[in-house]
Protein backbone atom coordinates (compact mmCIF):
# COMPACT_ATOMS: atom_id res chain seq x y z
CA MET A 1 -0.01 0.04 0.04
CA LEU A 2 1.35 3.33 -0.99
CA SER A 3 0.43 6.82 -0.07
CA LEU A 4 1.43 10.14 -1.89
CA LEU A 5 0.95 13.35 0.03
CA GLY A 6 -0.25 16.29 -2.07
CA GLY A 7 -0.29 19.96 -1.84
CA PHE A 8 -2.67 22.31 -0.11
CA THR A 9 -5.73 22.19 -2.16
CA ASN A 10 -8.64 19.89 -2.14
CA ALA A 11 -11.25 20.99 -4.59
CA LYS A 12 -14.19 18.98 -5.96
CA GLY A 13 -15.43 18.81 -9.47
CA THR A 14 -18.28 20.90 -10.93
CA ASP A 15 -20.69 18.06 -10.24
CA GLY A 16 -19.80 17.74 -6.63
CA GLN A 17 -17.77 14.60 -7.19
CA GLN A 18 -14.20 14.32 -5.94
CA PRO A 19 -11.96 14.95 -9.03
CA LEU A 20 -10.18 11.96 -10.52
CA LEU A 21 -6.51 11.96 -10.01
CA VAL A 22 -3.74 10.42 -11.93
CA SER A 23 -2.74 8.65 -8.73
CA ASP A 24 -6.20 6.99 -8.57
CA TYR A 25 -4.74 4.67 -11.32
CA PRO A 26 -5.01 1.60 -11.25
CA GLY A 27 -7.87 1.45 -8.66
CA ALA A 28 -10.15 3.44 -10.85
CA PHE A 29 -9.77 1.08 -13.74
CA LYS A 30 -10.22 -2.28 -11.95
CA SER A 31 -13.07 -3.40 -14.25
CA ASN A 32 -15.15 -2.51 -17.39
CA THR A 33 -12.01 -0.78 -19.01
CA LEU A 34 -10.92 -0.21 -22.55
CA VAL A 35 -7.41 0.71 -23.59
CA VAL A 36 -7.78 2.81 -26.80
CA VAL A 37 -4.97 3.20 -29.17
CA GLY A 38 -4.94 5.14 -32.59
CA ASP A 39 -5.79 3.42 -35.78
CA GLY A 40 -2.78 2.35 -37.87
CA PHE A 41 -4.67 3.79 -41.09
CA PRO A 42 -5.22 7.48 -41.95
CA HIS A 43 -8.38 8.45 -40.08
CA GLY A 44 -10.10 11.34 -38.16
CA PRO A 45 -10.31 14.94 -38.93
CA LYS A 46 -6.52 15.31 -39.52
CA GLY A 47 -6.31 12.08 -41.54
CA LYS A 48 -3.20 10.95 -39.58
CA TYR A 49 -2.33 7.41 -38.55
CA SER A 50 -0.90 6.01 -35.28
CA LEU A 51 2.64 4.81 -34.88
CA THR A 52 3.38 1.29 -33.87
CA ILE A 53 4.79 2.25 -30.50
CA ASP A 54 1.49 3.61 -29.31
CA GLY A 55 -0.10 0.20 -30.00
CA LEU A 56 2.63 -1.58 -28.11
CA CYS A 57 2.43 0.85 -25.24
CA GLY A 58 -1.37 0.38 -25.11
CA ALA A 59 -0.99 -3.47 -25.18
CA TRP A 60 1.56 -3.34 -22.40
CA ILE A 61 -0.70 -1.26 -20.19
CA ALA A 62 -3.46 -3.68 -20.69
CA VAL A 63 -1.23 -6.72 -19.96
CA LYS A 64 0.03 -5.12 -16.81
CA LEU A 65 -3.47 -4.31 -15.64
CA ALA A 66 -4.74 -7.73 -16.24
CA GLU A 67 -2.13 -9.12 -13.92
CA TYR A 68 -3.98 -7.50 -11.02
CA PHE A 69 -7.53 -6.71 -11.98
CA GLU A 70 -10.19 -7.73 -14.71
CA ALA A 71 -8.36 -7.81 -18.10
CA PRO A 72 -9.25 -4.66 -20.12
CA GLY A 73 -10.17 -4.72 -23.70
CA ILE A 74 -7.97 -3.23 -26.43
CA VAL A 75 -9.65 -1.26 -29.32
CA THR A 76 -8.67 1.26 -31.88
CA ASP A 77 -10.20 4.76 -31.65
CA SER A 78 -12.14 4.10 -34.98
CA ASP A 79 -13.99 1.26 -33.20
CA ILE A 80 -15.78 3.56 -30.60
CA THR A 81 -15.96 6.87 -32.57
CA SER A 82 -17.54 8.54 -35.59
CA TRP A 83 -16.49 11.74 -37.12
CA GLN A 84 -17.36 14.25 -39.78
CA GLY A 85 -15.32 17.23 -40.65
CA LYS A 86 -13.85 18.49 -37.40
CA THR A 87 -16.42 16.84 -35.26
CA VAL A 88 -15.85 13.60 -33.45
CA ASP A 89 -18.54 11.78 -31.47
CA LEU A 90 -17.73 9.07 -28.88
CA LEU A 91 -20.03 6.20 -29.52
CA ASP A 92 -19.06 4.19 -26.35
CA ARG A 93 -20.98 5.45 -23.19
CA THR A 94 -20.17 2.93 -20.43
CA HIS A 95 -16.53 1.90 -20.33
CA ASN A 96 -13.59 3.44 -18.42
CA LEU A 97 -10.95 4.59 -20.93
CA ILE A 98 -7.26 4.66 -21.14
CA VAL A 99 -6.47 6.62 -24.11
CA VAL A 100 -2.97 6.39 -25.60
CA GLY A 101 -1.84 8.99 -28.18
CA CYS A 102 -2.04 12.77 -28.86
CA HIS A 103 -5.13 14.28 -30.52
CA TRP A 104 -3.75 13.89 -34.16
CA VAL A 105 -3.36 10.15 -34.08
CA ASN A 106 -5.94 9.16 -31.41
CA ILE A 107 -9.26 10.99 -32.07
CA VAL A 108 -10.65 9.98 -28.55
CA SER A 109 -7.99 12.22 -27.26
CA TYR A 110 -9.24 14.73 -29.87
CA HIS A 111 -12.71 14.41 -28.62
CA TYR A 112 -11.98 15.38 -24.96
CA PHE A 113 -9.44 18.11 -25.73
CA PHE A 114 -11.54 19.87 -28.25
CA MET A 115 -15.17 18.56 -28.11
CA ARG A 116 -15.37 18.27 -24.29
CA ARG A 117 -13.08 20.83 -23.08
CA ASP A 118 -15.34 21.46 -20.12
CA LEU A 119 -14.01 18.13 -18.56
CA VAL A 120 -10.17 18.59 -19.17
CA PRO A 121 -7.98 20.79 -16.98
CA VAL A 122 -5.31 21.31 -19.66
CA TYR A 123 -5.39 21.25 -23.51
CA PRO A 124 -2.97 21.74 -26.35
CA ALA A 125 -3.00 25.00 -28.39
CA ASN A 126 -0.83 27.20 -30.77
CA TYR A 127 -0.16 30.85 -31.33
CA LEU A 128 -2.39 31.37 -34.39
CA ASN A 129 -5.75 30.16 -33.27
CA ASP A 130 -7.60 27.16 -31.58
CA ASP A 131 -7.57 25.11 -34.61
CA PRO A 132 -6.92 21.43 -33.62
CA LEU A 133 -5.55 20.67 -37.03
CA ILE A 134 -2.59 22.94 -36.68
CA PHE A 135 0.36 21.37 -34.81
CA PRO A 136 0.28 22.34 -31.11
CA GLU A 137 3.06 24.69 -29.86
CA PHE A 138 2.37 24.51 -26.11
CA LEU A 139 -0.08 23.22 -23.49
CA VAL A 140 -2.44 25.51 -21.57
CA LYS A 141 -3.87 25.34 -18.07
CA LYS A 142 -7.53 25.99 -18.53
CA ASP A 143 -8.27 27.79 -15.29
CA THR A 144 -5.42 30.30 -15.39
CA GLY A 145 -4.37 30.27 -19.14
CA GLU A 146 -0.80 29.53 -18.03
CA ARG A 147 1.34 27.97 -20.93
CA PHE A 148 3.85 25.25 -20.53
CA ALA A 149 5.51 22.45 -22.46
CA TYR A 150 6.65 24.52 -25.40
CA TRP A 151 7.34 22.63 -28.51
CA ASN A 152 10.25 24.89 -29.58
CA ALA A 153 12.14 23.80 -26.40
CA ILE A 154 12.42 20.19 -27.70
CA GLN A 155 11.88 20.35 -31.39
CA ASP A 156 15.64 20.02 -32.08
CA LYS A 157 16.04 17.20 -29.33
CA TYR A 158 14.20 14.29 -30.88
CA LYS A 159 15.47 11.07 -29.24
CA SER A 160 16.99 12.98 -26.47
CA MET A 161 14.10 14.89 -24.76
CA ASP A 162 10.23 14.85 -24.78
CA TYR A 163 7.23 16.40 -23.11
CA ALA A 164 4.04 14.64 -22.13
CA VAL A 165 1.04 15.19 -19.96
CA MET A 166 -1.26 12.63 -18.22
CA VAL A 167 -4.78 13.80 -17.79
CA ALA A 168 -7.36 12.09 -15.43
CA LEU A 169 -11.05 13.08 -15.74
CA ARG A 170 -14.57 11.92 -15.00
CA ASP A 171 -17.08 11.70 -17.93
CA GLY A 172 -20.31 10.96 -16.29
CA ASN A 173 -20.06 7.70 -14.44
CA ARG A 174 -16.86 6.57 -16.04
CA ASN A 175 -13.12 7.34 -15.48
CA VAL A 176 -10.76 8.42 -18.35
CA LEU A 177 -6.90 8.63 -18.40
CA ILE A 178 -5.47 10.33 -21.37
CA LEU A 179 -1.72 9.86 -22.23
CA TRP A 180 -0.67 12.65 -24.50
CA ALA A 181 2.86 13.22 -25.82
CA TYR A 182 4.66 15.13 -28.53
CA TRP A 183 6.89 12.02 -29.55
CA GLU A 184 6.85 8.40 -28.94
CA HIS A 185 9.46 8.78 -25.98
CA GLY A 186 6.93 10.57 -23.99
CA THR A 187 4.33 7.86 -24.52
CA ILE A 188 6.98 5.23 -23.50
CA ALA A 189 7.72 7.37 -20.40
CA MET A 190 4.14 7.50 -19.24
CA THR A 191 3.69 3.75 -19.90
CA ARG A 192 6.70 3.10 -17.55
CA ILE A 193 5.23 5.31 -14.89
CA LEU A 194 2.04 3.22 -14.88
CA GLU A 195 4.04 0.07 -14.94
CA ASN A 196 5.98 1.06 -11.84
CA ILE A 197 3.18 2.97 -10.08
CA ASN A 198 4.06 1.24 -6.71
CA ASP A 199 7.47 2.74 -6.89
CA ALA A 200 6.27 6.43 -7.38
CA LEU A 201 7.61 7.73 -4.25
CA LYS A 202 10.99 6.06 -4.76
CA HIS A 203 11.33 7.91 -8.00
CA GLY A 204 9.93 11.21 -6.95
CA TRP A 205 6.85 11.05 -8.96
CA ARG A 206 4.05 13.06 -7.49
CA LEU A 207 0.90 11.88 -9.26
CA ASN A 208 -1.82 13.32 -7.00
CA SER A 209 -3.18 15.70 -9.44
CA GLU A 210 -5.81 15.87 -12.17
CA ALA A 211 -2.95 16.43 -14.74
CA VAL A 212 0.79 15.86 -14.41
CA PHE A 213 3.46 17.06 -16.50
CA VAL A 214 6.06 14.46 -17.60
CA VAL A 215 9.50 15.18 -18.93
CA TRP A 216 11.94 12.69 -20.32
CA ASN A 217 15.53 13.68 -20.68
CA ASP A 218 18.01 11.06 -22.14
CA ILE A 219 20.69 11.63 -19.41
CA GLN A 220 22.49 8.34 -20.39
CA ASP A 221 22.38 9.22 -23.99
CA ASP A 222 21.40 5.68 -24.94
CA ASP A 223 18.08 6.47 -26.65
CA LYS A 224 16.24 4.44 -24.06
CA VAL A 225 13.70 5.63 -21.46
CA GLN A 226 15.06 4.79 -18.08
CA LEU A 227 13.17 5.40 -14.87
CA ASN A 228 15.71 7.70 -13.51
CA GLU A 229 15.29 9.92 -16.49
CA ILE A 230 11.65 10.61 -15.98
CA THR A 231 10.48 13.71 -13.93
CA VAL A 232 6.85 14.24 -12.97
CA GLN A 233 5.30 17.66 -11.89
CA PRO A 234 1.74 17.78 -10.55
CA LEU A 235 -0.07 20.73 -12.34
CA PHE A 236 -2.91 20.87 -9.78
CA PRO A 237 -1.69 19.02 -6.59
CA ARG A 238 -4.26 17.81 -4.16
CA SER A 239 -4.06 17.15 -0.35
CA GLN A 240 -6.16 13.95 -0.43
CA PRO A 241 -3.84 10.97 -0.24
CA ALA A 242 -3.63 8.51 -3.16
CA THR A 243 -3.76 4.81 -2.23
CA TYR A 244 -2.84 2.14 -4.47
CA SER A 245 -4.04 -1.61 -4.42
CA TYR A 246 -1.67 -2.77 -7.23
CA THR A 247 -1.00 -6.07 -5.65
CA LYS A 248 -1.02 -9.48 -7.51
CA THR A 249 -3.64 -11.97 -6.56
CA ILE A 250 -2.13 -15.27 -5.27
CA PRO A 251 -3.73 -18.30 -7.16
CA THR A 252 -5.43 -20.97 -5.27
CA VAL A 253 -3.13 -23.95 -4.55
CA THR A 254 -4.35 -27.43 -3.73
CA MET A 255 -1.97 -30.08 -2.39
CA THR A 256 -2.26 -33.85 -2.83
CA GLN A 257 0.17 -36.64 -1.55
CA THR A 258 0.85 -39.88 -3.37
CA LYS A 259 3.31 -42.54 -2.17
CA THR A 260 5.66 -43.62 -4.90
CA GLU A 261 8.99 -45.28 -5.54
CA ILE A 262 10.12 -42.74 -8.13
CA ARG A 263 12.86 -40.49 -7.22
CA THR A 264 12.27 -37.68 -9.66
CA SER A 265 9.24 -36.79 -11.72
CA THR A 266 7.63 -33.85 -13.45
CA THR A 267 3.93 -32.97 -13.01
CA THR A 268 2.25 -30.82 -15.85
CA SER A 269 -1.19 -29.13 -15.25
CA THR A 270 -3.30 -27.52 -17.95
CA ALA A 271 -1.87 -23.99 -16.94
CA ILE A 272 1.56 -24.56 -15.39
CA SER A 273 4.40 -27.05 -15.36
CA LEU A 274 6.00 -27.62 -11.95
CA SER A 275 8.58 -29.98 -10.71
CA THR A 276 7.48 -32.38 -7.96
CA VAL A 277 9.27 -32.48 -4.73
CA ILE A 278 9.93 -36.03 -3.41
CA ARG A 279 10.83 -36.62 0.12
CA HIS A 280 10.55 -39.98 1.96
CA ASN A 281 8.88 -41.49 -1.08
CA THR A 282 6.08 -38.82 -1.02
CA THR A 283 5.19 -36.83 -4.04
CA VAL A 284 3.75 -33.43 -3.60
CA THR A 285 1.79 -32.12 -6.46
CA VAL A 286 1.17 -28.33 -6.68
CA LYS A 287 -1.75 -27.27 -8.97
CA ALA A 288 -2.98 -23.83 -9.42
CA ALA A 289 -6.77 -23.72 -9.59
CA SER A 290 -7.84 -21.83 -12.82
CA PRO A 291 -10.67 -19.25 -12.74
CA ALA A 292 -14.01 -20.24 -14.19
CA GLU A 293 -13.91 -20.22 -17.96
CA ARG A 294 -16.06 -17.87 -20.08
CA ARG A 295 -15.19 -19.09 -23.52
CA CYS A 296 -17.55 -17.52 -26.08
CA ILE A 297 -18.33 -19.67 -29.15
CA PHE A 298 -18.32 -16.63 -31.47
CA SER A 299 -15.10 -15.35 -30.31
CA SER A 300 -13.51 -18.84 -30.55
CA LEU A 301 -14.69 -19.76 -33.98
CA LEU A 302 -15.06 -16.31 -35.88
CA PRO A 303 -12.45 -13.75 -36.82
CA ALA A 304 -11.82 -10.87 -34.56
CA ALA A 305 -12.77 -8.39 -37.25
CA THR A 306 -16.34 -10.04 -37.53
CA VAL A 307 -16.96 -10.11 -33.80
CA GLN A 308 -15.51 -6.79 -32.67
CA PRO A 309 -18.11 -4.45 -34.26
CA LEU A 310 -20.85 -6.34 -32.48
CA ARG A 311 -18.93 -6.27 -29.19
CA SER A 312 -18.53 -2.51 -29.57
CA PHE A 313 -22.23 -2.15 -30.29
CA ARG A 314 -23.06 -4.26 -27.23
CA ASP A 315 -20.73 -2.40 -25.01
CA SER A 316 -21.62 1.21 -26.22
CA SER A 317 -25.30 0.85 -26.89
CA VAL A 318 -26.93 -2.30 -25.40
CA HIS A 319 -25.30 -1.85 -21.88
CA ALA A 320 -26.27 1.80 -22.02
CA THR A 321 -29.90 1.05 -21.76
CA PHE A 322 -31.93 -0.45 -18.94
CA ALA A 323 -33.72 -2.93 -21.18
CA GLY A 324 -30.45 -4.03 -22.78
CA SER A 325 -28.39 -4.32 -19.66
CA THR A 326 -31.16 -6.35 -17.84
CA PHE A 327 -31.40 -8.72 -20.84
CA MET A 328 -27.69 -9.24 -21.09
CA GLU A 329 -27.46 -10.04 -17.32
CA ALA A 330 -30.05 -12.91 -17.83
CA PHE A 331 -28.65 -13.92 -21.18
CA ASP A 332 -25.08 -14.16 -20.11
CA VAL A 333 -26.13 -16.64 -17.26
CA PHE A 334 -27.60 -18.98 -19.77
CA TYR A 335 -25.11 -18.46 -22.45
CA TYR A 336 -21.91 -19.08 -20.45
CA SER A 337 -23.51 -22.18 -18.96
CA LEU A 338 -23.36 -23.73 -22.37
CA SER A 339 -20.77 -21.92 -24.48
CA PRO A 340 -17.51 -23.20 -22.77
CA LYS A 341 -18.79 -26.77 -22.97
CA VAL A 342 -19.65 -26.47 -26.67
CA VAL A 343 -16.21 -24.87 -27.30
CA SER A 344 -14.36 -27.63 -25.36
CA PHE A 345 -16.22 -30.31 -27.34
CA ILE A 346 -15.71 -29.08 -30.82
CA THR A 347 -12.16 -27.81 -30.35
CA PRO A 348 -10.47 -31.16 -31.21
CA HIS A 349 -12.72 -31.70 -34.28
CA LEU A 350 -12.08 -29.53 -37.34
CA LEU A 351 -15.18 -30.74 -39.22
CA LEU A 352 -17.47 -29.79 -36.31
CA GLN A 353 -15.67 -26.39 -36.01
CA GLY A 354 -16.55 -25.73 -39.67
CA ILE A 355 -20.13 -26.83 -39.38
CA VAL A 356 -20.80 -24.78 -36.22
CA ARG A 357 -18.91 -21.76 -37.78
CA SER A 358 -21.13 -21.90 -40.75
CA LEU A 359 -24.28 -21.99 -38.50
CA LEU A 360 -23.19 -18.89 -36.65
CA TYR A 361 -22.88 -16.59 -39.72
CA PRO A 362 -26.73 -16.14 -40.05
CA THR A 363 -26.82 -14.85 -36.42
CA ILE A 364 -24.08 -12.41 -37.11
CA ALA A 365 -25.81 -11.12 -40.21
CA ALA A 366 -29.03 -10.72 -38.38
CA LEU A 367 -27.32 -8.91 -35.44
CA GLN A 368 -25.37 -6.60 -37.79
CA PHE A 369 -28.57 -5.75 -39.83
CA SER A 370 -30.69 -5.22 -36.62
CA SER A 371 -28.02 -2.91 -35.18
CA LYS A 372 -28.78 -0.42 -38.06
CA VAL A 373 -32.24 -0.07 -36.61
CA PHE A 374 -30.76 1.45 -33.39
CA ASP A 375 -29.09 4.55 -34.72
CA PRO A 376 -32.27 6.22 -36.27
CA LEU A 377 -33.98 5.85 -32.81
CA SER A 378 -31.01 6.77 -30.66
CA PHE A 379 -32.93 9.81 -29.38
CA ALA A 380 -35.06 7.28 -27.36
CA PRO A 381 -32.47 4.58 -26.43
CA GLU A 382 -35.03 2.27 -24.69
CA LEU A 383 -37.35 2.37 -27.69
CA ALA A 384 -34.34 1.74 -29.97
CA MET A 385 -33.35 -1.30 -27.83
CA VAL A 386 -36.74 -2.73 -28.10
CA ALA A 387 -36.76 -2.31 -31.84
CA PHE A 388 -33.42 -3.88 -32.13
CA GLY A 389 -34.48 -6.87 -30.05
CA VAL A 390 -37.79 -7.33 -32.15
CA ALA A 391 -35.68 -7.11 -35.40
CA ALA A 392 -33.03 -9.40 -34.37
CA SER A 393 -35.32 -12.11 -33.06
CA ALA A 394 -37.43 -12.05 -36.16
CA LEU A 395 -34.41 -12.22 -38.46
CA ILE A 396 -32.74 -15.01 -36.52
CA GLY A 397 -36.01 -17.06 -36.39
CA LEU A 398 -36.48 -16.53 -40.14
CA ALA A 399 -32.82 -17.47 -40.84
CA TYR A 400 -33.02 -20.76 -38.96
CA LEU A 401 -36.85 -21.77 -39.17
CA THR A 402 -37.46 -21.15 -42.88
CA PRO A 403 -35.10 -23.95 -44.13
CA LEU A 404 -36.75 -26.36 -41.55
CA LEU A 405 -40.30 -25.34 -42.87
CA VAL A 406 -39.36 -25.74 -46.50
CA ALA A 407 -37.79 -29.18 -45.86
CA ARG A 408 -40.95 -30.28 -44.12
CA MET A 409 -43.23 -29.03 -46.94
CA LEU A 410 -41.05 -30.85 -49.53
CA TYR A 411 -41.23 -34.18 -47.38
CA LEU A 412 -44.92 -34.04 -46.93
CA GLY A 413 -45.35 -33.26 -50.66
CA ARG A 414 -43.56 -36.56 -51.53
CA THR A 415 -45.35 -38.81 -49.05
CA LYS A 416 -49.05 -37.87 -49.14
CA PRO A 417 -51.41 -39.64 -51.64
CA PRO A 418 -52.15 -37.90 -54.91
CA LEU A 419 -55.02 -35.61 -55.19
CA PRO A 420 -58.35 -37.02 -56.89
CA ARG A 421 -59.10 -36.09 -60.45
CA SER A 422 -62.50 -34.49 -59.76
CA PHE A 423 -64.73 -33.27 -56.94
CA ALA A 424 -67.20 -36.11 -57.73
CA GLN A 425 -64.44 -38.74 -57.21
CA ALA A 426 -63.32 -37.05 -54.07
CA THR A 427 -66.79 -37.14 -52.49
CA SER A 428 -67.97 -40.51 -53.74
CA PRO A 429 -67.37 -42.37 -50.61
CA LEU A 430 -69.47 -39.84 -48.61
CA THR A 431 -72.23 -39.53 -51.15
CA SER A 432 -72.70 -43.00 -52.31
CA PRO A 433 -75.27 -44.03 -49.68
CA ILE A 434 -77.38 -40.93 -50.47
CA ARG A 435 -77.23 -41.61 -54.02
CA THR A 436 -78.33 -45.25 -53.63
CA ARG A 437 -81.35 -44.21 -51.54
CA LEU A 438 -82.42 -41.59 -54.09
CA ARG A 439 -82.16 -44.20 -56.84
CA LEU A 440 -84.44 -46.71 -54.96
CA GLN A 441 -86.91 -43.99 -54.27
CA SER A 442 -87.05 -43.03 -57.91
CA LEU A 443 -87.61 -46.67 -58.96
CA GLY A 444 -90.44 -47.08 -56.40
CA ALA A 445 -92.22 -43.90 -57.75
CA SER A 446 -91.97 -45.15 -61.30
CA LYS A 447 -93.44 -48.53 -60.51
CA LEU A 448 -96.31 -46.62 -58.52
CA ARG A 449 -97.13 -44.54 -61.52
CA ARG A 450 -97.22 -47.51 -63.88
CA GLY A 451 -99.58 -49.39 -61.50
CA ARG A 452 -101.98 -46.39 -61.34
CA SER A 453 -101.97 -46.01 -65.12
CA GLY A 454 -102.90 -49.77 -65.57
CA ARG A 455 -105.83 -49.55 -63.27
CA LYS A 456 -107.25 -46.53 -65.00
CA ARG A 457 -107.16 -48.35 -68.42
CA ARG A 458 -108.97 -51.36 -66.97
CA CYS A 459 -111.80 -49.15 -65.54
CA ARG A 460 -112.23 -47.52 -69.02
CA GLU A 461 -112.70 -50.85 -70.60
């Protein structure tokens, strides 16, 4: 447990909440978190693309965070945003975000610094105007207008010096941490700070602020970011202490004893390989209990590019509504009671994998088409969610039931007797007794008429 003592102010946010501090990492990102890196292709208002180092730093942050808390997802900024001209809208409404990259290469960073400036304590600017598409020449403290981190101080010192800023903010009910830097070395420096957060006091990093100014200076002249080359200055120091719970969870261990004559052996579990310890002919086997599996059929069998858009829609739209979140809670209980068993069963069988994969594509197509219903009704999210559910259910039912109904009709068409040639033939079994009775009556009437006519002739004679 580590405490950082701050300065002499202790202000609250405009909504009455305690402001989020950089020192609240990683506790503020224990669960429901996305690490957002810039798209590697030209995108956004500026049309720039992200460097490989941004993606690597984002992946490393996610890996380190997953060692201690719930594993965060990793997405590109294009997955959770839409843009037109200089306007960038953030589609995701529920996740905590760790945003890696400046506003040119990561448009989630652009969204907060230029579309939601009411939330950030500092922002990039330039001498000419506030145009975000012009390269920034300094950073500005929003409350005082003070300028710092001047570009001209480092523009000739590439690979030897870099400026960066770490900004923490609350966006509604979620927490956001933005890592902004001029060059890649600043991004690496901030990643190393998060990696070594428990040693913040040891290195003199004061992180108890809504924004901290990070400076990297290549003292050892080796083009590498060393911990002793990073300095951190809190821009808005707070008096509230920052506590960390960045402690690894110890896995469950079970012990079994077996008498044996073997002197040495090796025991291999599904997750770990450990050497057995033999003393007095007793083998002690150590096995770490693995957490409950939540293997998804779709993620296991389909390409990530196919599944990720639907996952983003679920996280940004479905979970944001009461109807959607309630349905997903109930659905997950049912789905994950079956999905891991199915995946485990079909994994060794390539033929079964191909069959199941082909059966999943109609569901994917139905969900993708139904998600288009949501956007026109987004002004009423609950109504949009109901419309999406109805459309998805109808399309999925149509996709899977129609072939069965057609097959049944074809089968019945081959097995039932041929249709009669005429209506008279079809009704003959029913009408034959009636026709017989009518025929007998007609015969009796004709005989009666012949008898009467005979008697009349005899009377005349």
